[in-house]
């Protein structure tokens, strides 16, 4: 009877798993087909290399692309050093006590905070309190805060996978703790760290809510790129074309083309993360 019950439970579990996976894949294919079929016609060199013109009914998306790239670089500049250093301290230096457990719980809870809350916090702190104004700097700092919990968590998990014997062996031959971390632990954990960083940045590149209050603009002249001014970004550009434009039907092909470019950018970032992980694991083997 126990064997039959086990088999029946396994069938239910596998059936639920396959059904859930099938539904997710089904809706993913529908969404991708909708965007690709309606956005592929807008893709051209002019669409990528020209700035928006005539109320964004003509031209391309060069300005939002530049804004997205620079914003992602700013996010990386603010979040990676602090996130990696924080993870190293928590895993390698801090004692395992009630305080560090509270800190880890707080970091994991911050990962679940809605992104629009980060946008409101960035508005209050960077735009108003620190008087950075609505600018790429304020938006980059806000996305940096949003990315920190993910980078800290993924980096710490990568460090935890390194066996304690590896650290002990380095210390036994005379290496200091700092040298052990720098020359032994970090290189061994680099694949996990870089994978987490790239995946986090790919998420940040597609965020709309945090930059909504902190610096994203509906339209700016030229290609933009100034860190102390407002900027255009692909996710916010897509949001405005789809919901706020006066001629939504006229700009709908541009909106689908923008969505397709954004998907391609995020896909390439995710592909980079998987390639980095594969490359490092291949070298380790």
Protein backbone atom coordinates (compact mmCIF):
# COMPACT_ATOMS: atom_id res chain seq x y z
CA UNK A 1 0.00 0.00 0.00
CA UNK A 2 2.82 2.37 0.81
CA UNK A 3 4.43 1.70 -2.58
CA UNK A 4 1.17 2.42 -4.42
CA UNK A 5 0.66 5.60 -2.42
CA UNK A 6 4.18 6.70 -3.23
CA UNK A 7 3.67 6.07 -6.95
CA UNK A 8 0.36 7.91 -6.96
CA UNK A 9 1.95 10.89 -5.16
CA UNK A 10 4.80 10.92 -7.66
CA UNK A 11 2.34 10.94 -10.56
CA UNK A 12 0.48 13.90 -9.06
CA UNK A 13 3.72 15.79 -8.42
CA UNK A 14 5.09 15.18 -11.91
CA UNK A 15 1.75 15.97 -13.50
CA UNK A 16 1.52 19.27 -11.61
CA UNK A 17 5.11 20.11 -12.56
CA UNK A 18 4.58 19.36 -16.24
CA UNK A 19 1.28 21.24 -16.34
CA UNK A 20 2.79 24.32 -14.69
CA UNK A 21 5.81 24.23 -17.00
CA UNK A 22 3.60 23.78 -20.03
CA UNK A 23 1.37 26.73 -19.09
CA UNK A 24 4.38 29.00 -18.50
CA UNK A 25 5.94 28.00 -21.83
CA UNK A 26 2.60 28.39 -23.62
CA UNK A 27 2.03 31.96 -22.44
CA UNK A 28 5.70 32.81 -23.03
CA UNK A 29 5.45 31.66 -26.63
CA UNK A 30 2.25 33.67 -27.14
CA UNK A 31 3.81 36.84 -25.72
CA UNK A 32 7.01 36.44 -27.75
CA UNK A 33 5.08 35.69 -30.92
CA UNK A 34 2.90 38.77 -30.42
CA UNK A 35 5.91 41.04 -29.93
CA UNK A 36 8.11 39.51 -32.64
CA UNK A 37 5.37 39.35 -35.29
CA UNK A 38 4.34 42.97 -34.73
CA UNK A 39 7.74 44.44 -33.89
CA UNK A 40 10.04 42.81 -36.43
CA UNK A 41 8.73 45.05 -39.21
CA UNK A 42 9.94 48.14 -37.36
CA UNK A 43 13.49 46.90 -36.92
CA UNK A 44 16.01 48.50 -39.24
CA UNK A 45 19.31 50.31 -39.03
CA UNK A 46 17.47 53.64 -39.08
CA UNK A 47 15.25 52.52 -36.20
CA UNK A 48 18.31 51.70 -34.09
CA UNK A 49 20.56 54.59 -35.14
CA UNK A 50 18.17 57.57 -35.31
CA UNK A 51 16.80 59.72 -32.50
CA UNK A 52 13.02 60.10 -32.05
CA UNK A 53 11.46 62.79 -34.23
CA UNK A 54 8.09 64.49 -34.79
CA UNK A 55 6.57 63.68 -31.45
CA UNK A 56 8.15 60.18 -31.53
CA UNK A 57 6.01 59.20 -34.50
CA UNK A 58 9.13 59.12 -36.70
CA UNK A 59 12.79 58.33 -36.28
CA UNK A 60 14.20 55.62 -34.07
CA UNK A 61 15.15 54.76 -30.50
CA UNK A 62 18.84 55.71 -30.33
CA UNK A 63 18.30 58.08 -27.39
CA UNK A 64 16.49 55.47 -25.22
CA UNK A 65 19.15 52.88 -26.07
CA UNK A 66 21.97 55.19 -24.99
CA UNK A 67 20.07 56.12 -21.84
CA UNK A 68 19.48 52.45 -20.95
CA UNK A 69 23.14 51.52 -21.49
CA UNK A 70 24.47 54.43 -19.42
CA UNK A 71 21.90 53.85 -16.69
CA UNK A 72 22.87 50.16 -16.47
CA UNK A 73 26.55 51.12 -16.23
CA UNK A 74 25.78 53.57 -13.43
CA UNK A 75 23.77 50.91 -11.63
CA UNK A 76 26.69 48.50 -11.91
CA UNK A 77 29.12 51.16 -10.67
CA UNK A 78 27.06 51.81 -7.55
CA UNK A 79 25.84 48.30 -6.71
CA UNK A 80 28.63 45.85 -7.58
CA UNK A 81 31.43 47.15 -5.30
CA UNK A 82 29.16 47.63 -2.29
CA UNK A 83 27.23 44.40 -2.86
CA UNK A 84 30.28 42.18 -3.32
CA UNK A 85 32.16 43.75 -0.38
CA UNK A 86 29.12 43.38 1.87
CA UNK A 87 28.77 39.70 0.92
CA UNK A 88 32.47 39.08 1.56
CA UNK A 89 32.22 40.67 4.99
CA UNK A 90 29.10 38.72 5.98
CA UNK A 91 30.48 35.38 4.79
CA UNK A 92 34.19 35.67 5.56
CA UNK A 93 34.59 38.09 8.48
CA UNK A 94 31.34 38.52 10.41
CA UNK A 95 30.52 36.10 13.21
CA UNK A 96 27.39 33.97 12.92
CA UNK A 97 25.24 35.57 15.62
CA UNK A 98 21.79 37.10 16.03
CA UNK A 99 22.88 40.40 14.47
CA UNK A 100 24.20 38.89 11.24
CA UNK A 101 21.13 36.66 11.01
CA UNK A 102 18.90 39.74 11.28
CA UNK A 103 20.97 41.50 8.62
CA UNK A 104 20.67 38.53 6.25
CA UNK A 105 16.92 38.34 6.83
CA UNK A 106 16.60 42.07 6.15
CA UNK A 107 18.58 41.74 2.91
CA UNK A 108 16.38 38.90 1.69
CA UNK A 109 13.24 40.83 2.61
CA UNK A 110 14.50 43.84 0.65
CA UNK A 111 14.64 41.59 -2.42
CA UNK A 112 10.86 41.28 -2.22
CA UNK A 113 10.07 44.99 -1.90
CA UNK A 114 8.11 46.26 -4.95
CA UNK A 115 10.27 48.30 -7.29
CA UNK A 116 7.92 51.27 -7.13
CA UNK A 117 8.74 51.60 -3.41
CA UNK A 118 12.38 52.00 -4.38
CA UNK A 119 11.28 54.68 -6.83
CA UNK A 120 9.47 56.62 -4.12
CA UNK A 121 12.45 56.22 -1.78
CA UNK A 122 14.79 57.47 -4.52
CA UNK A 123 12.52 60.45 -5.09
CA UNK A 124 12.56 61.36 -1.40
CA UNK A 125 16.29 60.77 -0.82
CA UNK A 126 18.21 61.49 -4.02
CA UNK A 127 15.89 63.88 -5.86
CA UNK A 128 14.63 65.97 -2.92
CA UNK A 129 16.77 65.48 0.21
CA UNK A 130 20.17 65.35 -1.53
CA UNK A 131 18.95 67.70 -4.28
CA UNK A 132 20.33 65.69 -7.18
CA UNK A 133 17.13 66.52 -9.05
CA UNK A 134 15.45 64.29 -11.59
CA UNK A 135 18.53 62.99 -13.35
CA UNK A 136 20.34 59.89 -14.50
CA UNK A 137 22.40 60.06 -11.31
CA UNK A 138 19.29 59.81 -9.11
CA UNK A 139 17.89 56.98 -11.22
CA UNK A 140 21.21 55.10 -11.21
CA UNK A 141 21.51 55.37 -7.44
CA UNK A 142 17.93 54.18 -7.03
CA UNK A 143 18.48 51.16 -9.27
CA UNK A 144 21.74 50.53 -7.43
CA UNK A 145 19.81 50.26 -4.16
CA UNK A 146 17.29 47.96 -5.82
CA UNK A 147 20.11 45.72 -7.12
CA UNK A 148 22.08 45.54 -3.88
CA UNK A 149 20.04 42.80 -2.13
CA UNK A 150 20.26 40.51 -5.17
CA UNK A 151 24.01 41.00 -5.63
CA UNK A 152 24.68 40.48 -1.92
CA UNK A 153 22.58 37.31 -1.81
CA UNK A 154 23.98 35.72 -4.99
CA UNK A 155 27.56 36.62 -4.07
CA UNK A 156 27.22 35.21 -0.57
CA UNK A 157 25.70 32.00 -1.91
CA UNK A 158 28.62 31.68 -4.35
CA UNK A 159 31.09 32.15 -1.49
CA UNK A 160 29.27 29.59 0.68
CA UNK A 161 29.77 26.93 -2.00
CA UNK A 162 33.55 27.10 -1.55
CA UNK A 163 34.56 24.34 0.90
CA UNK A 164 36.09 25.36 4.22
CA UNK A 165 38.99 23.00 3.46
CA UNK A 166 40.03 25.28 0.61
CA UNK A 167 40.41 28.20 2.99
CA UNK A 168 42.17 26.06 5.59
CA UNK A 169 44.67 24.80 3.02
CA UNK A 170 45.58 28.35 2.00
CA UNK A 171 45.97 29.45 5.61
CA UNK A 172 48.08 26.37 6.36
CA UNK A 173 50.73 27.36 3.80
CA UNK A 174 51.08 30.82 5.35
CA UNK A 175 48.58 32.95 3.44
CA UNK A 176 46.81 35.69 5.36
CA UNK A 177 43.02 35.81 5.52
CA UNK A 178 42.95 38.67 3.00
CA UNK A 179 45.27 36.77 0.62
CA UNK A 180 43.13 33.65 1.00
CA UNK A 181 40.00 35.55 0.03
CA UNK A 182 41.68 37.44 -2.81
CA UNK A 183 43.68 34.60 -4.36
CA UNK A 184 41.68 31.49 -3.49
CA UNK A 185 38.07 32.13 -2.50
CA UNK A 186 37.09 34.86 -4.97
CA UNK A 187 38.55 33.16 -8.08
CA UNK A 188 36.77 29.93 -7.13
CA UNK A 189 33.45 31.74 -6.63
CA UNK A 190 33.81 34.09 -9.59
CA UNK A 191 31.45 32.19 -11.90
CA UNK A 192 28.58 32.41 -9.40
CA UNK A 193 29.34 36.04 -8.56
CA UNK A 194 29.45 37.20 -12.20
CA UNK A 195 26.34 35.22 -13.11
CA UNK A 196 24.39 36.84 -10.28
CA UNK A 197 25.68 40.30 -11.17
CA UNK A 198 24.77 40.05 -14.86
CA UNK A 199 21.30 38.64 -14.14
CA UNK A 200 20.70 41.43 -11.63
CA UNK A 201 21.76 44.08 -14.13
CA UNK A 202 19.50 42.55 -16.79
CA UNK A 203 16.59 42.96 -14.40
CA UNK A 204 17.59 46.55 -13.61
CA UNK A 205 17.80 47.38 -17.33
CA UNK A 206 14.12 46.46 -17.73
CA UNK A 207 12.78 48.34 -14.71
CA UNK A 208 10.29 51.18 -15.24
CA UNK A 209 8.85 52.08 -11.82
CA UNK A 210 12.12 53.16 -10.08
CA UNK A 211 13.08 55.56 -12.87
CA UNK A 212 9.54 56.87 -13.27
CA UNK A 213 10.02 59.29 -10.34
CA UNK A 214 13.76 59.84 -10.45
CA UNK A 215 14.85 60.92 -13.90
CA UNK A 216 13.19 59.31 -16.92
CA UNK A 217 11.80 61.78 -19.45
CA UNK A 218 9.10 61.43 -22.08
CA UNK A 219 11.28 63.13 -24.68
CA UNK A 220 14.61 64.96 -24.86
CA UNK A 221 16.41 66.55 -27.78
CA UNK A 222 19.47 64.85 -29.19
CA UNK A 223 21.09 61.67 -27.91
CA UNK A 224 21.27 62.74 -24.26
CA UNK A 225 23.75 61.05 -21.94
CA UNK A 226 24.41 63.80 -19.36
CA UNK A 227 24.52 62.32 -15.87
CA UNK A 228 22.96 65.41 -14.25
CA UNK A 229 20.02 65.69 -16.66
CA UNK A 230 16.89 63.72 -17.41
CA UNK A 231 17.23 60.85 -19.86
CA UNK A 232 15.22 58.46 -22.00
CA UNK A 233 15.23 54.69 -21.35
CA UNK A 234 13.77 51.78 -23.29
CA UNK A 235 11.29 50.51 -20.64
CA UNK A 236 9.95 53.99 -19.87
CA UNK A 237 9.85 54.85 -23.59
CA UNK A 238 7.78 51.72 -24.19
CA UNK A 239 5.45 52.59 -21.31
CA UNK A 240 4.85 56.11 -22.64
CA UNK A 241 4.28 55.00 -26.23
CA UNK A 242 1.82 52.31 -25.14
CA UNK A 243 -0.23 54.30 -22.63
CA UNK A 244 0.38 58.05 -22.72
CA UNK A 245 0.97 59.07 -26.33
CA UNK A 246 -1.67 61.19 -28.05
CA UNK A 247 -1.58 58.95 -31.15
CA UNK A 248 -1.28 55.48 -29.67
CA UNK A 249 -2.38 53.68 -32.82
CA UNK A 250 0.13 55.62 -34.94
CA UNK A 251 3.09 54.79 -32.68
CA UNK A 252 2.04 51.21 -31.91
CA UNK A 253 4.52 49.70 -34.42
CA UNK A 254 7.30 51.74 -32.78
CA UNK A 255 6.16 50.49 -29.37
CA UNK A 256 6.32 46.87 -30.51
CA UNK A 257 9.74 47.50 -32.07
CA UNK A 258 10.94 49.03 -28.79
CA UNK A 259 9.62 46.03 -26.85
CA UNK A 260 11.44 43.67 -29.20
CA UNK A 261 14.73 45.56 -28.80
CA UNK A 262 14.33 45.54 -25.00
CA UNK A 263 13.70 41.78 -25.02
CA UNK A 264 16.79 41.26 -27.18
CA UNK A 265 18.91 43.35 -24.79
CA UNK A 266 17.70 41.43 -21.73
CA UNK A 267 18.10 38.11 -23.55
CA UNK A 268 21.70 38.96 -24.51
CA UNK A 269 22.50 39.89 -20.91
CA UNK A 270 21.05 36.59 -19.67
CA UNK A 271 22.94 34.72 -22.38
CA UNK A 272 26.12 36.44 -21.23
CA UNK A 273 25.48 35.26 -17.68
CA UNK A 274 25.05 31.65 -18.80
CA UNK A 275 28.17 31.86 -20.99
CA UNK A 276 30.24 33.22 -18.09
CA UNK A 277 29.06 30.40 -15.84
CA UNK A 278 29.79 27.79 -18.53
CA UNK A 279 33.23 29.25 -19.26
CA UNK A 280 34.33 29.35 -15.62
CA UNK A 281 33.02 25.86 -14.87
CA UNK A 282 34.77 24.52 -17.95
CA UNK A 283 38.04 26.09 -16.80
CA UNK A 284 37.54 24.69 -13.29
CA UNK A 285 37.03 21.19 -14.67
